[in-house]
Every structure is written in structure tokens, then in C-alpha cells.
N, C-alpha and C. Protein backbone atom coordinates (compact mmCIF):
# COMPACT_ATOMS: atom_id res chain seq x y z
N MET A 1 52.64 -11.48 28.30
CA MET A 1 52.39 -12.92 27.33
C MET A 1 50.65 -13.43 27.96
N LYS A 2 50.54 -14.04 28.65
CA LYS A 2 49.21 -14.35 29.17
C LYS A 2 47.72 -13.57 29.43
N LYS A 3 48.64 -12.37 29.67
CA LYS A 3 47.62 -11.11 29.93
C LYS A 3 46.70 -11.07 28.35
N ILE A 4 48.09 -10.73 27.44
CA ILE A 4 47.33 -10.45 25.82
C ILE A 4 46.61 -11.30 25.72
N LYS A 5 47.09 -13.02 25.74
CA LYS A 5 45.95 -14.26 25.36
C LYS A 5 44.55 -14.05 25.64
N LYS A 6 44.39 -13.78 26.65
CA LYS A 6 43.69 -13.99 27.65
C LYS A 6 42.47 -12.34 27.11
N ASN A 7 43.15 -11.07 26.81
CA ASN A 7 41.88 -10.47 26.02
C ASN A 7 42.05 -10.74 24.55
N LYS A 8 43.00 -11.30 23.96
CA LYS A 8 42.40 -12.01 22.55
C LYS A 8 41.51 -12.88 22.51
N TRP A 9 41.36 -13.77 23.93
CA TRP A 9 40.02 -14.64 23.77
C TRP A 9 38.93 -13.36 24.31
N GLY A 10 39.13 -12.85 25.26
CA GLY A 10 37.89 -12.13 25.29
C GLY A 10 37.04 -11.50 24.15
N MET A 11 38.41 -10.99 23.00
CA MET A 11 37.46 -9.81 21.94
C MET A 11 36.64 -11.42 21.14
N LYS A 12 37.30 -12.50 20.96
CA LYS A 12 36.88 -13.26 20.32
C LYS A 12 35.52 -13.73 20.67
N LEU A 13 35.29 -13.93 22.11
CA LEU A 13 34.20 -13.92 22.50
C LEU A 13 32.80 -12.76 22.33
N ALA A 14 33.32 -11.34 22.47
CA ALA A 14 32.81 -10.55 22.27
C ALA A 14 32.01 -10.77 20.87
N VAL A 15 32.89 -11.09 19.90
CA VAL A 15 32.19 -10.77 18.76
C VAL A 15 31.39 -12.20 18.38
N LEU A 16 32.13 -13.50 18.59
CA LEU A 16 30.80 -14.43 19.04
C LEU A 16 29.06 -13.89 19.64
N ALA A 17 29.67 -13.20 20.79
CA ALA A 17 28.51 -12.97 21.17
C ALA A 17 27.44 -11.96 20.42
N PHE A 18 27.97 -11.10 19.86
CA PHE A 18 27.28 -10.02 18.80
C PHE A 18 26.72 -10.35 17.75
N SER A 19 27.71 -11.51 17.34
CA SER A 19 27.47 -12.05 15.65
C SER A 19 25.71 -13.02 16.32
N SER A 20 25.79 -14.00 17.30
CA SER A 20 24.82 -14.55 17.87
C SER A 20 23.32 -13.75 17.99
N SER A 21 23.93 -12.61 18.44
CA SER A 21 22.31 -11.34 18.94
C SER A 21 21.78 -11.16 17.23
N VAL A 22 23.00 -10.58 16.81
CA VAL A 22 22.94 -10.16 15.27
C VAL A 22 21.62 -11.61 14.44
N LEU A 23 22.07 -12.90 14.75
CA LEU A 23 21.62 -13.94 14.08
C LEU A 23 19.96 -14.31 14.66
N PHE A 24 20.12 -14.14 16.05
CA PHE A 24 18.60 -14.05 16.47
C PHE A 24 17.82 -12.93 16.17
N SER A 25 18.36 -11.95 16.09
CA SER A 25 17.11 -10.39 16.32
C SER A 25 16.87 -10.62 14.91
N THR A 26 17.57 -11.42 13.60
CA THR A 26 17.17 -11.48 12.11
C THR A 26 15.99 -12.31 12.02
N ILE A 27 16.24 -13.62 12.95
CA ILE A 27 15.15 -14.60 12.79
C ILE A 27 13.96 -14.61 13.46
N ASP A 28 14.21 -13.75 14.63
CA ASP A 28 12.78 -12.71 15.14
C ASP A 28 11.98 -11.68 13.98
N THR A 29 12.63 -10.91 13.56
CA THR A 29 12.40 -10.45 12.44
C THR A 29 11.17 -10.85 11.44
N ALA A 30 11.99 -12.22 11.34
CA ALA A 30 12.07 -12.81 10.08
C ALA A 30 10.81 -13.61 10.96
N SER A 31 10.27 -14.40 11.97
CA SER A 31 9.32 -14.76 12.17
C SER A 31 7.91 -13.60 12.14
N ALA A 32 8.26 -12.42 12.55
CA ALA A 32 7.27 -11.21 12.91
C ALA A 32 6.45 -10.99 11.62
N ALA A 33 6.72 -11.41 10.56
CA ALA A 33 6.83 -11.20 9.33
C ALA A 33 5.51 -12.43 8.70
N THR A 34 5.43 -13.04 9.81
CA THR A 34 4.24 -14.56 9.19
C THR A 34 3.21 -14.30 10.14
N TYR A 35 2.16 -15.44 9.92
CA TYR A 35 1.24 -15.50 10.69
C TYR A 35 0.38 -17.13 10.80
N THR A 36 0.38 -17.77 12.00
CA THR A 36 -0.25 -18.89 11.84
C THR A 36 -1.51 -19.19 11.93
N VAL A 37 -2.41 -19.54 11.27
CA VAL A 37 -3.60 -19.51 11.16
C VAL A 37 -4.46 -20.52 12.31
N LYS A 38 -5.22 -19.59 12.88
CA LYS A 38 -5.65 -20.86 14.54
C LYS A 38 -6.95 -20.66 14.07
N SER A 39 -7.98 -21.39 14.57
CA SER A 39 -9.07 -21.95 14.62
C SER A 39 -10.25 -20.94 15.19
N GLY A 40 -11.13 -20.35 13.73
CA GLY A 40 -11.71 -19.44 13.87
C GLY A 40 -11.32 -18.16 13.04
N ASP A 41 -9.90 -18.34 12.22
CA ASP A 41 -9.77 -17.16 11.23
C ASP A 41 -10.56 -17.56 10.13
N SER A 42 -10.17 -16.05 9.32
CA SER A 42 -10.72 -16.33 8.11
C SER A 42 -9.61 -15.50 7.63
N LEU A 43 -9.40 -15.39 6.05
CA LEU A 43 -9.00 -14.59 5.45
C LEU A 43 -8.76 -12.88 5.68
N TRP A 44 -10.02 -12.86 5.20
CA TRP A 44 -10.67 -11.53 5.94
C TRP A 44 -10.16 -10.87 7.01
N LYS A 45 -10.74 -11.43 7.71
CA LYS A 45 -10.47 -11.32 9.36
C LYS A 45 -8.58 -10.90 9.64
N ILE A 46 -8.19 -11.89 9.29
CA ILE A 46 -6.64 -11.74 8.85
C ILE A 46 -5.88 -10.63 8.65
N ALA A 47 -6.65 -10.45 7.44
CA ALA A 47 -6.03 -8.96 6.32
C ALA A 47 -6.64 -7.88 6.64
N SER A 48 -7.68 -7.90 7.51
CA SER A 48 -8.28 -6.52 8.23
C SER A 48 -7.59 -6.51 9.39
N GLN A 49 -7.13 -7.02 10.07
CA GLN A 49 -5.94 -7.04 11.32
C GLN A 49 -5.02 -6.20 11.43
N ASN A 50 -4.26 -6.37 10.07
CA ASN A 50 -3.06 -5.89 9.40
C ASN A 50 -3.44 -4.81 8.45
N GLY A 51 -4.44 -4.35 8.19
CA GLY A 51 -4.96 -3.36 7.39
C GLY A 51 -4.90 -3.39 5.92
N ILE A 52 -4.91 -4.53 5.69
CA ILE A 52 -4.80 -4.73 4.19
C ILE A 52 -5.96 -5.56 3.63
N SER A 53 -6.27 -5.77 2.32
CA SER A 53 -7.10 -6.40 1.56
C SER A 53 -6.72 -7.66 1.67
N TYR A 54 -7.85 -8.59 1.76
CA TYR A 54 -7.89 -10.25 1.84
C TYR A 54 -7.53 -10.16 0.30
N GLN A 55 -7.63 -9.87 -0.73
CA GLN A 55 -7.20 -9.73 -2.18
C GLN A 55 -5.52 -9.95 -2.11
N THR A 56 -5.09 -8.61 -1.31
CA THR A 56 -3.49 -8.15 -1.20
C THR A 56 -2.91 -9.67 -0.39
N LEU A 57 -3.34 -9.94 0.60
CA LEU A 57 -2.95 -11.10 1.25
C LEU A 57 -2.87 -12.71 0.41
N MET A 58 -4.25 -12.70 -0.17
CA MET A 58 -3.65 -13.69 -1.59
C MET A 58 -2.74 -13.79 -2.40
N ARG A 59 -2.42 -12.52 -2.92
CA ARG A 59 -0.97 -12.15 -3.66
C ARG A 59 -0.02 -12.35 -3.01
N TRP A 60 0.47 -12.07 -1.89
CA TRP A 60 1.43 -12.28 -1.04
C TRP A 60 1.73 -13.53 -0.53
N ASN A 61 0.97 -14.34 -1.10
CA ASN A 61 0.65 -15.85 -0.04
C ASN A 61 0.57 -16.80 -1.53
N ASN A 62 0.21 -16.03 -3.09
CA ASN A 62 0.15 -16.84 -4.19
C ASN A 62 -1.00 -17.85 -3.74
N LEU A 63 -2.28 -17.69 -3.07
CA LEU A 63 -3.37 -18.06 -2.72
C LEU A 63 -4.49 -17.87 -4.04
N THR A 64 -4.51 -18.93 -4.59
CA THR A 64 -5.67 -19.32 -5.48
C THR A 64 -7.26 -18.79 -5.35
N SER A 65 -7.02 -19.44 -3.98
CA SER A 65 -8.85 -18.95 -3.41
C SER A 65 -8.64 -18.80 -1.92
N SER A 66 -9.64 -18.52 -1.18
CA SER A 66 -9.69 -18.14 -0.04
C SER A 66 -9.78 -18.98 1.22
N ASN A 67 -9.65 -20.31 0.69
CA ASN A 67 -9.98 -21.10 1.73
C ASN A 67 -8.10 -21.60 2.60
N ILE A 68 -8.22 -21.31 3.79
CA ILE A 68 -7.29 -21.39 4.87
C ILE A 68 -7.52 -22.47 5.57
N ARG A 69 -6.15 -23.23 5.94
CA ARG A 69 -6.56 -24.19 7.17
C ARG A 69 -5.89 -23.67 8.54
N VAL A 70 -6.19 -24.39 9.85
CA VAL A 70 -5.61 -24.13 11.05
C VAL A 70 -4.32 -24.38 10.64
N GLY A 71 -3.05 -23.82 11.26
CA GLY A 71 -1.75 -24.56 11.05
C GLY A 71 -1.05 -23.53 10.27
N GLN A 72 -1.75 -23.17 9.01
CA GLN A 72 -1.07 -22.59 7.98
C GLN A 72 -0.53 -21.27 8.18
N LYS A 73 0.73 -21.39 7.68
CA LYS A 73 1.68 -20.07 8.14
C LYS A 73 1.22 -19.47 7.10
N LEU A 74 0.91 -17.99 7.06
CA LEU A 74 0.95 -16.72 5.73
C LEU A 74 2.22 -15.38 6.23
N THR A 75 1.91 -15.29 5.06
CA THR A 75 3.19 -13.64 4.21
C THR A 75 2.35 -12.58 4.74
N LEU A 76 2.62 -12.03 5.59
CA LEU A 76 2.20 -10.57 5.99
C LEU A 76 3.15 -9.39 5.51
N ASN A 77 4.05 -9.72 4.49
CA ASN A 77 4.39 -8.54 3.79
C ASN A 77 4.61 -9.16 2.53
N SER A 78 4.71 -8.04 1.66
CA SER A 78 4.97 -8.05 0.23
C SER A 78 5.93 -8.23 -0.16
N THR A 79 7.55 -8.27 0.31
CA THR A 79 8.82 -8.75 0.12
C THR A 79 9.23 -9.79 0.30
N ALA A 80 8.39 -10.77 1.04
CA ALA A 80 8.92 -12.38 1.54
C ALA A 80 9.03 -13.42 0.55
N ASN A 81 7.75 -13.08 -0.48
CA ASN A 81 7.72 -14.13 -1.76
C ASN A 81 8.22 -13.36 -2.95
N GLN A 82 9.47 -12.43 -2.93
CA GLN A 82 9.37 -11.45 -3.96
C GLN A 82 11.28 -11.86 -3.86
N ALA A 83 11.77 -11.86 -5.24
CA ALA A 83 13.09 -12.20 -5.45
C ALA A 83 13.82 -10.74 -4.92
N PRO A 84 14.87 -10.95 -5.22
CA PRO A 84 15.68 -9.15 -4.56
C PRO A 84 15.19 -8.58 -5.64
N SER A 85 15.38 -8.72 -6.77
CA SER A 85 15.61 -7.84 -7.95
C SER A 85 14.32 -7.63 -8.58
N THR A 86 12.93 -7.84 -7.98
CA THR A 86 11.57 -7.47 -8.58
C THR A 86 11.38 -6.20 -7.67
N PRO A 87 10.89 -5.35 -8.16
CA PRO A 87 10.50 -3.91 -7.37
C PRO A 87 9.47 -4.03 -6.90
N ALA A 88 9.19 -3.94 -5.76
CA ALA A 88 7.86 -3.65 -5.02
C ALA A 88 6.86 -3.05 -5.33
N LYS A 89 6.85 -2.04 -6.15
CA LYS A 89 5.86 -1.49 -6.96
C LYS A 89 5.78 -1.74 -8.47
N THR A 90 4.61 -1.46 -8.79
CA THR A 90 4.85 -1.90 -10.13
C THR A 90 3.59 -0.37 -10.76
N PRO A 91 3.02 0.07 -11.88
CA PRO A 91 2.03 0.76 -11.75
C PRO A 91 0.75 0.02 -12.77
N ALA A 92 1.38 -1.79 -13.06
CA ALA A 92 0.19 -2.52 -13.54
C ALA A 92 -0.29 -2.86 -12.01
N ASN A 93 0.97 -2.98 -10.81
CA ASN A 93 0.25 -3.73 -9.80
C ASN A 93 -0.90 -2.41 -9.28
N LEU A 94 -0.34 -1.07 -9.17
CA LEU A 94 -1.25 -0.03 -8.97
C LEU A 94 -2.75 -0.12 -9.27
N ILE A 95 -2.76 -0.30 -10.57
CA ILE A 95 -4.08 0.11 -11.31
C ILE A 95 -4.93 -1.11 -10.86
N GLN A 96 -4.17 -2.27 -10.97
CA GLN A 96 -5.07 -3.93 -10.04
C GLN A 96 -5.38 -3.85 -9.20
N VAL A 97 -4.70 -3.48 -8.38
CA VAL A 97 -5.08 -2.78 -6.77
C VAL A 97 -6.34 -1.63 -6.91
N ALA A 98 -5.97 -0.59 -7.56
CA ALA A 98 -7.33 0.15 -7.66
C ALA A 98 -8.69 0.17 -8.90
N LYS A 99 -8.84 -1.06 -9.44
CA LYS A 99 -9.99 -1.62 -10.02
C LYS A 99 -10.71 -2.38 -9.26
N GLN A 100 -9.96 -3.00 -8.52
CA GLN A 100 -10.36 -3.69 -7.94
C GLN A 100 -11.58 -3.58 -6.87
N GLN A 101 -11.60 -2.46 -6.12
CA GLN A 101 -12.81 -1.73 -5.70
C GLN A 101 -13.46 -1.11 -6.58
N LEU A 102 -13.63 -0.97 -7.47
CA LEU A 102 -14.51 -0.19 -8.46
C LEU A 102 -16.19 -0.73 -7.95
N GLY A 103 -16.96 0.00 -7.82
CA GLY A 103 -18.34 0.11 -7.21
C GLY A 103 -18.46 0.64 -5.94
N VAL A 104 -17.02 0.74 -4.88
CA VAL A 104 -17.28 0.70 -3.85
C VAL A 104 -18.17 1.63 -3.10
N LYS A 105 -19.22 1.74 -2.34
CA LYS A 105 -19.45 3.53 -2.27
C LYS A 105 -18.65 4.53 -1.77
N TYR A 106 -19.39 5.81 -1.70
CA TYR A 106 -18.55 6.81 -1.37
C TYR A 106 -18.84 7.13 0.09
N THR A 107 -17.99 7.29 1.03
CA THR A 107 -18.29 7.58 2.17
C THR A 107 -17.60 8.99 2.67
N PHE A 108 -17.71 9.97 3.37
CA PHE A 108 -16.87 11.26 3.43
C PHE A 108 -16.02 10.64 4.74
N GLY A 109 -14.52 11.01 4.48
CA GLY A 109 -13.64 10.29 5.63
C GLY A 109 -13.68 9.04 5.35
N GLY A 110 -13.99 8.00 4.47
CA GLY A 110 -13.66 6.69 4.52
C GLY A 110 -12.45 6.28 3.97
N SER A 111 -12.19 5.02 4.01
CA SER A 111 -10.59 4.64 3.88
C SER A 111 -10.94 3.05 3.27
N LYS A 112 -11.27 2.54 3.69
CA LYS A 112 -11.90 1.03 3.35
C LYS A 112 -12.81 0.77 2.83
N PRO A 113 -12.77 -0.69 2.01
CA PRO A 113 -13.86 -1.41 1.49
C PRO A 113 -15.48 -1.47 2.05
N SER A 114 -14.85 -1.91 2.98
CA SER A 114 -15.77 -2.42 3.94
C SER A 114 -16.95 -1.13 4.34
N THR A 115 -16.39 0.05 4.22
CA THR A 115 -17.34 1.22 5.14
C THR A 115 -17.31 2.39 3.95
N GLY A 116 -16.56 2.24 2.95
CA GLY A 116 -16.19 3.17 1.91
C GLY A 116 -15.11 3.88 1.65
N PHE A 117 -14.88 4.80 0.41
CA PHE A 117 -13.89 5.96 0.91
C PHE A 117 -14.40 7.39 0.16
N ASP A 118 -14.04 8.17 0.51
CA ASP A 118 -13.89 9.35 -0.03
C ASP A 118 -12.46 9.69 -0.89
N CYS A 119 -12.08 10.60 -1.59
CA CYS A 119 -11.30 10.63 -2.96
C CYS A 119 -9.59 10.08 -2.31
N SER A 120 -9.34 11.00 -0.86
CA SER A 120 -7.71 10.66 -0.27
C SER A 120 -8.34 8.91 0.59
N GLY A 121 -8.57 8.96 0.99
CA GLY A 121 -9.09 7.91 1.55
C GLY A 121 -8.66 6.56 0.83
N TYR A 122 -9.06 6.63 -0.21
CA TYR A 122 -9.16 5.46 -1.84
C TYR A 122 -7.86 5.44 -2.04
N ILE A 123 -7.04 7.00 -2.31
CA ILE A 123 -5.58 6.71 -2.76
C ILE A 123 -4.75 6.44 -1.70
N THR A 124 -5.25 6.57 -0.62
CA THR A 124 -4.30 6.09 0.69
C THR A 124 -4.04 4.49 0.80
N TYR A 125 -5.31 3.85 0.74
CA TYR A 125 -5.62 2.32 0.84
C TYR A 125 -5.33 1.77 -0.79
N VAL A 126 -5.20 2.07 -1.89
CA VAL A 126 -4.92 1.38 -3.26
C VAL A 126 -3.55 2.11 -2.80
N PHE A 127 -2.63 2.79 -2.70
CA PHE A 127 -0.79 2.93 -2.85
C PHE A 127 -0.84 2.22 -1.64
N ASN A 128 -0.85 1.91 -0.37
CA ASN A 128 -0.89 0.92 0.19
C ASN A 128 -0.49 -0.39 0.17
N ASN A 129 -1.43 -0.93 -0.25
CA ASN A 129 -2.23 -2.22 -0.73
C ASN A 129 -1.39 -2.64 -2.17
N ALA A 130 -0.96 -1.62 -2.84
CA ALA A 130 0.30 -2.14 -4.18
C ALA A 130 1.34 -1.80 -3.49
N GLY A 131 1.67 -1.83 -1.97
CA GLY A 131 3.22 -2.17 -1.54
C GLY A 131 3.90 -0.60 -1.80
N ILE A 132 3.14 0.46 -1.69
CA ILE A 132 3.76 1.82 -1.64
C ILE A 132 3.48 2.38 -0.70
N PRO A 133 4.19 2.56 0.49
CA PRO A 133 3.73 3.06 1.99
C PRO A 133 3.14 4.79 1.64
N THR A 134 2.07 4.96 1.90
CA THR A 134 1.22 6.21 1.66
C THR A 134 0.84 6.75 3.20
N SER A 135 1.40 7.67 4.03
CA SER A 135 0.23 8.47 5.04
C SER A 135 -1.08 8.71 4.42
N ARG A 136 -1.98 9.24 5.53
CA ARG A 136 -3.48 9.35 4.96
C ARG A 136 -3.22 11.12 4.95
N LYS A 137 -3.79 11.48 4.09
CA LYS A 137 -3.55 13.03 3.72
C LYS A 137 -4.57 13.53 3.18
N SER A 138 -5.51 14.51 2.97
CA SER A 138 -5.95 15.39 2.30
C SER A 138 -6.12 15.28 0.76
N ALA A 139 -7.18 15.85 -0.09
CA ALA A 139 -6.30 16.35 -1.34
C ALA A 139 -5.43 17.07 -1.48
N ALA A 140 -5.85 18.32 -0.77
CA ALA A 140 -4.86 19.03 -0.68
C ALA A 140 -3.36 18.76 -0.41
N GLY A 141 -3.43 18.05 0.44
CA GLY A 141 -2.17 17.21 1.17
C GLY A 141 -1.20 16.87 0.28
N PHE A 142 -2.46 15.63 -0.62
CA PHE A 142 -2.01 14.87 -1.57
C PHE A 142 -0.75 16.12 -2.54
N TYR A 143 -1.53 17.00 -3.05
CA TYR A 143 -1.11 17.97 -3.70
C TYR A 143 0.00 18.82 -3.55
N TYR A 144 0.16 19.02 -2.33
CA TYR A 144 1.46 19.70 -2.00
C TYR A 144 2.88 18.72 -1.76
N ALA A 145 2.22 17.43 -1.24
CA ALA A 145 3.53 16.13 -1.15
C ALA A 145 4.08 15.65 -2.67
N ALA A 146 3.16 16.06 -3.71
CA ALA A 146 3.72 15.42 -5.10
C ALA A 146 4.31 16.45 -5.73
N LYS A 147 5.22 15.66 -6.43
CA LYS A 147 6.13 16.27 -7.34
C LYS A 147 5.10 16.78 -8.74
N LYS A 148 5.10 17.81 -9.12
CA LYS A 148 4.19 18.30 -10.16
C LYS A 148 4.77 17.76 -11.35
N VAL A 149 3.88 17.34 -12.45
CA VAL A 149 4.15 16.83 -13.65
C VAL A 149 3.44 17.12 -14.96
N SER A 150 4.01 17.57 -15.91
CA SER A 150 2.78 18.12 -17.17
C SER A 150 2.57 17.05 -18.03
N THR A 151 3.66 15.91 -18.23
CA THR A 151 2.97 14.62 -18.91
C THR A 151 2.65 13.28 -17.94
N PRO A 152 1.53 13.32 -17.58
CA PRO A 152 1.49 12.12 -16.94
C PRO A 152 1.69 10.50 -17.00
N GLN A 153 1.88 10.08 -16.21
CA GLN A 153 2.18 8.38 -16.39
C GLN A 153 1.33 7.46 -15.46
N VAL A 154 0.39 6.74 -15.91
CA VAL A 154 0.32 5.74 -15.25
C VAL A 154 0.40 5.45 -13.60
N GLY A 155 -0.74 5.50 -12.59
CA GLY A 155 -0.37 5.87 -11.66
C GLY A 155 -0.01 7.37 -11.10
N ASP A 156 0.43 8.29 -11.70
CA ASP A 156 0.01 9.48 -11.42
C ASP A 156 -0.80 9.96 -10.73
N LEU A 157 -1.42 11.01 -9.75
CA LEU A 157 -2.47 11.88 -9.18
C LEU A 157 -2.96 12.81 -10.30
N VAL A 158 -3.91 12.84 -10.24
CA VAL A 158 -4.90 14.00 -10.71
C VAL A 158 -5.33 14.76 -10.36
N PHE A 159 -5.25 16.02 -9.81
CA PHE A 159 -5.63 16.83 -8.89
C PHE A 159 -6.95 17.77 -9.47
N PHE A 160 -7.60 18.37 -8.77
CA PHE A 160 -8.87 19.33 -9.03
C PHE A 160 -9.17 19.86 -8.15
N ALA A 161 -9.40 21.26 -8.25
CA ALA A 161 -9.98 22.11 -7.14
C ALA A 161 -11.27 23.02 -7.37
N ASN A 162 -11.94 23.36 -6.05
CA ASN A 162 -13.19 24.16 -6.51
C ASN A 162 -14.46 23.40 -6.74
N THR A 163 -14.06 22.11 -6.38
CA THR A 163 -15.62 21.27 -6.98
C THR A 163 -16.45 21.29 -5.63
N TYR A 164 -16.24 21.24 -4.68
CA TYR A 164 -17.17 21.29 -3.44
C TYR A 164 -16.61 22.47 -2.40
N LYS A 165 -15.86 22.55 -2.48
CA LYS A 165 -15.23 23.83 -1.33
C LYS A 165 -14.15 24.24 -2.29
N PRO A 166 -13.52 25.78 -1.66
CA PRO A 166 -12.57 26.28 -2.24
C PRO A 166 -10.70 25.75 -2.25
N GLY A 167 -10.41 25.83 -2.99
CA GLY A 167 -8.87 24.91 -3.17
C GLY A 167 -8.78 23.96 -3.76
N ILE A 168 -8.14 23.06 -3.73
CA ILE A 168 -7.43 21.62 -4.37
C ILE A 168 -8.33 21.02 -2.87
N SER A 169 -9.49 20.35 -4.41
CA SER A 169 -10.71 19.38 -3.15
C SER A 169 -10.97 18.07 -3.73
N HIS A 170 -10.26 17.42 -4.48
CA HIS A 170 -10.23 16.22 -5.15
C HIS A 170 -9.01 15.73 -5.70
N ALA A 171 -9.14 14.52 -5.62
CA ALA A 171 -7.67 13.70 -6.21
C ALA A 171 -8.52 12.29 -6.81
N GLY A 172 -7.86 11.82 -7.89
CA GLY A 172 -7.87 10.81 -8.58
C GLY A 172 -6.70 10.10 -8.91
N ILE A 173 -6.68 9.35 -9.44
CA ILE A 173 -5.44 8.58 -9.91
C ILE A 173 -5.44 7.69 -11.26
N TYR A 174 -4.43 8.29 -12.29
CA TYR A 174 -4.74 8.41 -13.53
C TYR A 174 -4.22 7.13 -13.96
N ILE A 175 -4.88 6.60 -15.05
CA ILE A 175 -4.84 5.00 -15.79
C ILE A 175 -5.00 5.15 -17.25
N GLY A 176 -4.27 6.47 -17.74
CA GLY A 176 -4.00 6.21 -19.61
C GLY A 176 -5.01 7.18 -19.85
N ASN A 177 -4.84 7.44 -20.99
CA ASN A 177 -5.92 7.92 -22.09
C ASN A 177 -7.17 8.67 -21.39
N ASN A 178 -6.21 9.98 -20.81
CA ASN A 178 -7.33 10.97 -20.38
C ASN A 178 -8.36 10.36 -19.27
N GLN A 179 -8.10 9.39 -18.79
CA GLN A 179 -8.89 8.31 -17.59
C GLN A 179 -8.38 8.84 -16.36
N MET A 180 -9.22 8.54 -15.62
CA MET A 180 -8.63 8.12 -13.97
C MET A 180 -9.88 7.43 -13.13
N ILE A 181 -9.44 7.00 -12.03
CA ILE A 181 -10.25 6.28 -11.18
C ILE A 181 -10.13 6.79 -10.19
N ASN A 182 -11.03 7.00 -9.68
CA ASN A 182 -11.40 7.77 -8.41
C ASN A 182 -12.37 6.99 -7.87
N ALA A 183 -12.61 8.16 -6.18
CA ALA A 183 -13.89 7.71 -5.31
C ALA A 183 -14.47 9.35 -5.39
N SER A 184 -16.04 9.30 -6.03
CA SER A 184 -16.75 10.23 -6.03
C SER A 184 -17.87 10.18 -5.45
N ASP A 185 -18.91 10.96 -5.69
CA ASP A 185 -20.35 10.77 -5.09
C ASP A 185 -20.90 9.59 -5.50
N GLY A 186 -20.57 8.63 -6.87
CA GLY A 186 -21.39 7.73 -7.11
C GLY A 186 -20.38 6.24 -6.82
N GLY A 187 -19.00 6.87 -6.05
CA GLY A 187 -18.60 5.58 -5.52
C GLY A 187 -17.05 5.77 -6.28
N VAL A 188 -16.45 4.18 -6.43
CA VAL A 188 -15.22 3.96 -7.19
C VAL A 188 -15.80 3.62 -8.05
N SER A 189 -15.47 4.89 -9.47
CA SER A 189 -15.77 4.68 -10.55
C SER A 189 -14.39 5.43 -11.78
N ILE A 190 -14.22 5.10 -12.83
CA ILE A 190 -13.30 5.57 -14.05
C ILE A 190 -13.93 6.42 -14.67
N ALA A 191 -13.31 7.74 -14.92
CA ALA A 191 -13.86 9.21 -15.29
C ALA A 191 -12.74 9.83 -16.52
N ASN A 192 -13.58 10.23 -17.38
CA ASN A 192 -12.85 11.19 -18.22
C ASN A 192 -12.51 12.44 -17.90
N ILE A 193 -10.86 12.65 -18.07
CA ILE A 193 -10.36 14.05 -17.03
C ILE A 193 -11.00 14.94 -18.07
N ASN A 194 -11.12 14.91 -19.40
CA ASN A 194 -11.74 15.64 -20.26
C ASN A 194 -12.94 16.35 -20.40
N SER A 195 -13.97 15.29 -19.32
CA SER A 195 -15.54 15.66 -19.43
C SER A 195 -16.01 16.87 -19.09
N THR A 196 -16.94 17.09 -19.70
CA THR A 196 -17.27 17.98 -19.34
C THR A 196 -17.47 18.89 -18.00
N TYR A 197 -17.55 18.20 -17.02
CA TYR A 197 -17.45 18.39 -15.49
C TYR A 197 -16.17 17.93 -14.66
N TRP A 198 -15.22 17.32 -15.27
CA TRP A 198 -14.04 17.44 -14.68
C TRP A 198 -13.38 18.22 -15.23
N LYS A 199 -13.32 18.54 -16.54
CA LYS A 199 -12.31 19.64 -17.37
C LYS A 199 -12.20 21.21 -16.55
N LYS A 200 -13.44 21.42 -15.90
CA LYS A 200 -13.46 22.92 -16.12
C LYS A 200 -12.85 22.78 -14.35
N TYR A 201 -12.70 21.98 -13.40
CA TYR A 201 -12.09 22.04 -12.78
C TYR A 201 -11.10 21.60 -12.55
N PHE A 202 -10.27 20.67 -13.51
CA PHE A 202 -8.65 20.58 -13.81
C PHE A 202 -8.06 21.60 -12.98
N VAL A 203 -6.47 20.72 -12.17
CA VAL A 203 -5.61 22.01 -11.80
C VAL A 203 -4.32 21.36 -12.61
N GLY A 204 -4.22 20.05 -12.19
CA GLY A 204 -2.55 19.36 -12.75
C GLY A 204 -2.52 17.83 -12.42
N TYR A 205 -1.20 17.27 -12.52
CA TYR A 205 -0.99 16.02 -12.42
C TYR A 205 0.00 16.18 -11.08
N GLY A 206 0.24 15.01 -10.34
CA GLY A 206 1.82 14.89 -9.16
C GLY A 206 1.91 13.44 -9.32
N ARG A 207 3.33 13.46 -8.99
CA ARG A 207 3.95 11.87 -8.52
C ARG A 207 4.07 12.36 -7.59
N LEU A 208 3.97 10.66 -6.73
CA LEU A 208 4.09 10.61 -5.40
C LEU A 208 5.84 10.53 -5.12
């Protein structure tokens, strides 16, 4: 009987140790999602180090200005300040992020506001900063990864072929009313899909 009691106590201790391990693991994970502002930091610097825009960092932390203070704790993920029932992504949020980059110059291979965007770099940046994890692809890569749709919704992708090379060569983000926002030669701008230029290269719509 003594041996049995000893084994029961051993099992209880093992369960307690496991529960403590899970608890501290959860605490560590939560800690990793925050950043404490240090001397010399700026909102732009912290955002750049974490691969996001400073506007996104402001939104995640409900900030109304870019002023920060030493010792201030900043949230580094989009879900920490959201209620469990609030979806992380909405078309409105996606388009808001997309329009924040209007006027940013075109740079072949570019993927951030400070250096400029090409079409696929722009799409990657917008989706990631709207809380939709998206790996970098070419316009053709996005085309083959997307589910093809005939009736587009706001936030879907618009694809074009043979603009400067054979095959799928350009993509934009659909914003409704036959318009898209995209990074082309003139920089990030809004264009009509049915315009004389874009209509002749139009291929279709896709949804990530």
C-alpha cells in the first residue's frame, strides 16, 4: 500500500511540474510579443526592425501620435489588443494600408516604402501589414497561388499579362468600382482596370 501511495504522489508532482512548465512557457511567449522603448529609439526604428510600418505599429498600440517615451511597452503583434471575436483581417483594413502608400516610388524588386515598391513587393507589404501573412512572390507566383474568381471582391488581386514580358507580369489590389491600387512605373497609384492601357492586358482576378 505504501508503494502505491508513493506512486500517486509521484504522478501528482509530475502533473504539477508540467502545468508550471506550460504556465511559464505562456508567460515567455506573451513577453516576446512586447518591446520596451529604450533611449534613442523611435517608432520608425522599432517598426523597421520588426518588418512593419510605423503606422501599423501605431494602430496595434492605439497610438494617436508617433511620440514614444523610454520605458514604454509596445505590442509587436496585431492580435494582442483585439477581442477574441474580432477578425484579424478585413478588406477595409487592407485597403487602408494600401492607400497609406500612395505616391511611394516604383523600384524594381522593391518591397518597402523607404526604397520603393514593384507590384509584387507592394502586394506582399500591404497584406502583411494588414495582418495577412503573405510570402514574397512574383506577379506570376501570386497568380498561381490565388483562387481564380470571376466576380471580384474588395481586396482580391487583379492580374495582367504581357505588359513588359511574356506571361503574367503585373498585379494590383482590387478596391471596387473597376479600380485597383498598384505599384507601376509612376509609383503606387489608383487605376481603372477598364482603361485603354490596362484592359488590353487584363487576365482575371484571384483571391488569396
